[in-house]
Protein backbone atom coordinates (compact mmCIF):
# COMPACT_ATOMS: atom_id res chain seq x y z
CA UNK A 1 -107.49 -51.64 -11.64
CA UNK A 2 -107.47 -50.35 -15.21
CA UNK A 3 -107.98 -52.38 -18.38
CA UNK A 4 -106.83 -51.78 -21.95
CA UNK A 5 -107.28 -53.45 -25.31
CA UNK A 6 -104.22 -54.60 -27.25
CA UNK A 7 -104.40 -55.97 -30.79
CA UNK A 8 -101.47 -57.82 -32.31
CA UNK A 9 -101.87 -56.72 -35.93
CA UNK A 10 -101.52 -58.73 -39.18
CA UNK A 11 -97.90 -57.72 -39.83
CA UNK A 12 -96.86 -58.98 -36.39
CA UNK A 13 -98.74 -62.24 -36.97
CA UNK A 14 -97.13 -62.73 -40.36
CA UNK A 15 -93.67 -62.01 -38.92
CA UNK A 16 -94.10 -64.41 -35.99
CA UNK A 17 -93.88 -61.64 -33.36
CA UNK A 18 -97.12 -62.25 -31.44
CA UNK A 19 -95.41 -64.10 -28.60
CA UNK A 20 -92.73 -61.42 -28.21
CA UNK A 21 -95.30 -58.61 -28.16
CA UNK A 22 -97.53 -60.28 -25.59
CA UNK A 23 -94.47 -61.31 -23.58
CA UNK A 24 -93.13 -57.74 -23.40
CA UNK A 25 -96.47 -56.46 -22.12
CA UNK A 26 -96.75 -59.28 -19.62
CA UNK A 27 -93.16 -58.82 -18.41
CA UNK A 28 -93.98 -55.15 -17.87
CA UNK A 29 -96.36 -56.39 -15.18
CA UNK A 30 -99.67 -56.24 -17.03
CA UNK A 31 -101.98 -59.21 -16.45
CA UNK A 32 -103.76 -60.91 -19.35
CA UNK A 33 -107.46 -61.13 -18.45
CA UNK A 34 -108.77 -62.05 -21.93
CA UNK A 35 -107.18 -63.14 -25.19
CA UNK A 36 -108.28 -64.65 -28.49
CA UNK A 37 -107.17 -65.07 -32.07
CA UNK A 38 -109.66 -63.99 -34.72
CA UNK A 39 -109.98 -62.77 -38.27
CA UNK A 40 -111.65 -59.35 -38.32
CA UNK A 41 -114.27 -58.89 -41.00
CA UNK A 42 -115.01 -55.55 -42.70
CA UNK A 43 -117.91 -54.71 -40.37
CA UNK A 44 -115.88 -55.23 -37.20
CA UNK A 45 -112.88 -53.38 -38.66
CA UNK A 46 -115.04 -50.39 -39.59
CA UNK A 47 -116.48 -50.25 -36.06
CA UNK A 48 -113.03 -50.52 -34.50
CA UNK A 49 -111.53 -47.81 -36.72
CA UNK A 50 -114.67 -45.62 -36.99
CA UNK A 51 -112.71 -42.64 -35.66
CA UNK A 52 -110.66 -42.69 -38.91
CA UNK A 53 -113.61 -42.94 -41.30
CA UNK A 54 -113.36 -40.36 -44.06
CA UNK A 55 -109.57 -40.06 -43.78
CA UNK A 56 -107.43 -40.83 -46.82
CA UNK A 57 -105.90 -43.95 -45.23
CA UNK A 58 -109.18 -45.47 -43.96
CA UNK A 59 -109.82 -47.95 -46.79
CA UNK A 60 -106.18 -49.13 -46.73
CA UNK A 61 -106.38 -49.56 -42.97
CA UNK A 62 -109.50 -51.73 -43.29
CA UNK A 63 -107.88 -53.83 -46.02
CA UNK A 64 -104.74 -54.28 -43.89
CA UNK A 65 -106.44 -55.20 -40.57
CA UNK A 66 -108.67 -57.76 -42.31
CA UNK A 67 -105.81 -59.31 -44.32
CA UNK A 68 -104.70 -61.86 -41.70
CA UNK A 69 -105.71 -63.17 -38.28
CA UNK A 70 -104.99 -60.98 -35.28
CA UNK A 71 -104.77 -61.51 -31.55
CA UNK A 72 -106.94 -59.36 -29.32
CA UNK A 73 -106.18 -59.15 -25.61
CA UNK A 74 -107.42 -57.30 -22.57
CA UNK A 75 -104.62 -56.40 -20.19
CA UNK A 76 -105.09 -55.19 -16.65
CA UNK A 77 -102.95 -53.29 -14.20
CA UNK A 78 -102.40 -49.89 -12.60
CA UNK A 79 -102.40 -47.27 -15.39
CA UNK A 80 -102.73 -50.13 -17.92
CA UNK A 81 -103.42 -47.82 -20.88
CA UNK A 82 -100.32 -45.71 -20.23
CA UNK A 83 -98.12 -48.72 -19.41
CA UNK A 84 -99.14 -50.58 -22.57
CA UNK A 85 -98.71 -47.55 -24.83
CA UNK A 86 -95.29 -46.75 -23.37
CA UNK A 87 -94.24 -50.37 -23.91
CA UNK A 88 -95.46 -50.23 -27.53
CA UNK A 89 -93.75 -46.92 -28.31
CA UNK A 90 -94.89 -44.05 -30.50
CA UNK A 91 -97.26 -44.83 -33.36
CA UNK A 92 -94.61 -43.91 -35.94
CA UNK A 93 -91.89 -46.57 -35.42
CA UNK A 94 -89.06 -44.28 -36.57
CA UNK A 95 -90.02 -41.92 -33.72
CA UNK A 96 -90.39 -44.72 -31.15
CA UNK A 97 -87.73 -45.10 -28.50
CA UNK A 98 -85.40 -48.09 -28.74
CA UNK A 99 -86.49 -50.66 -26.19
CA UNK A 100 -90.15 -50.29 -27.14
CA UNK A 101 -91.96 -52.83 -29.33
CA UNK A 102 -92.22 -50.45 -32.28
CA UNK A 103 -88.79 -48.91 -31.68
CA UNK A 104 -87.14 -52.33 -31.83
CA UNK A 105 -89.26 -54.23 -34.32
CA UNK A 106 -91.01 -51.89 -36.80
CA UNK A 107 -90.07 -49.39 -39.51
CA UNK A 108 -93.27 -48.01 -41.03
CA UNK A 109 -96.37 -46.42 -39.51
CA UNK A 110 -98.63 -48.60 -41.67
CA UNK A 111 -96.98 -51.72 -40.30
CA UNK A 112 -96.50 -50.79 -36.65
CA UNK A 113 -97.34 -54.27 -35.29
CA UNK A 114 -99.71 -53.48 -32.44
CA UNK A 115 -102.73 -51.40 -31.45
CA UNK A 116 -103.43 -50.20 -27.94
CA UNK A 117 -106.32 -48.17 -26.55
CA UNK A 118 -105.32 -44.51 -26.27
CA UNK A 119 -107.41 -43.74 -23.17
CA UNK A 120 -109.54 -45.42 -20.53
CA UNK A 121 -112.67 -44.21 -22.33
CA UNK A 122 -111.46 -45.69 -25.62
CA UNK A 123 -110.65 -48.97 -23.88
CA UNK A 124 -114.16 -49.12 -22.43
CA UNK A 125 -115.57 -48.73 -25.96
CA UNK A 126 -113.10 -51.05 -27.72
CA UNK A 127 -113.08 -54.02 -25.35
CA UNK A 128 -116.77 -54.93 -25.94
CA UNK A 129 -116.14 -55.07 -29.71
CA UNK A 130 -113.89 -58.08 -29.09
CA UNK A 131 -115.01 -59.64 -25.80
CA UNK A 132 -118.19 -60.38 -23.88
CA UNK A 133 -118.09 -59.87 -20.10
CA UNK A 134 -118.01 -63.67 -19.67
CA UNK A 135 -114.77 -63.88 -21.66
CA UNK A 136 -112.89 -61.52 -19.31
CA UNK A 137 -111.45 -63.06 -16.16
CA UNK A 138 -110.61 -61.48 -12.84
CA UNK A 139 -107.88 -63.21 -10.89
CA UNK A 140 -104.74 -62.50 -8.89
CA UNK A 141 -101.27 -63.80 -9.50
CA UNK A 142 -98.89 -64.53 -6.64
CA UNK A 143 -96.30 -62.33 -8.34
CA UNK A 144 -98.63 -59.29 -8.31
CA UNK A 145 -97.49 -58.48 -4.77
CA UNK A 146 -94.03 -57.81 -6.25
CA UNK A 147 -95.37 -55.69 -9.12
CA UNK A 148 -98.29 -53.72 -7.69
CA UNK A 149 -97.95 -51.66 -4.51
CA UNK A 150 -100.90 -52.06 -2.15
């Protein structure tokens, strides 16, 4: 079973869209195995977005992600990274397909509502920034037999 990190970003929190975003991912069939609300500080934000350090938008990105509380979640399921990213839509909302989170609810790349790990390797590096192993739960839902083929 694969795991991915999803972050409901400040613009989604300010717009009251956290429940809808989490709900869409959960309705897709992904299982929430960890979730918390937190306010990222500069140090955590710089670790999370280290891949963008030195780019022209880096400082603005840090200011944005630390501007409001966020929700971080670990979601689990077959091909969780791919399923979550497809549900979110392309990074640039104007290029995202209608029916996706970004395609339906966002207009600008800087305010694209949600972050998702872009690979299994990235997820393995990102998840420990937000969660300890004790904060991640393994469990089965009765409905999983209707979502996940054995």
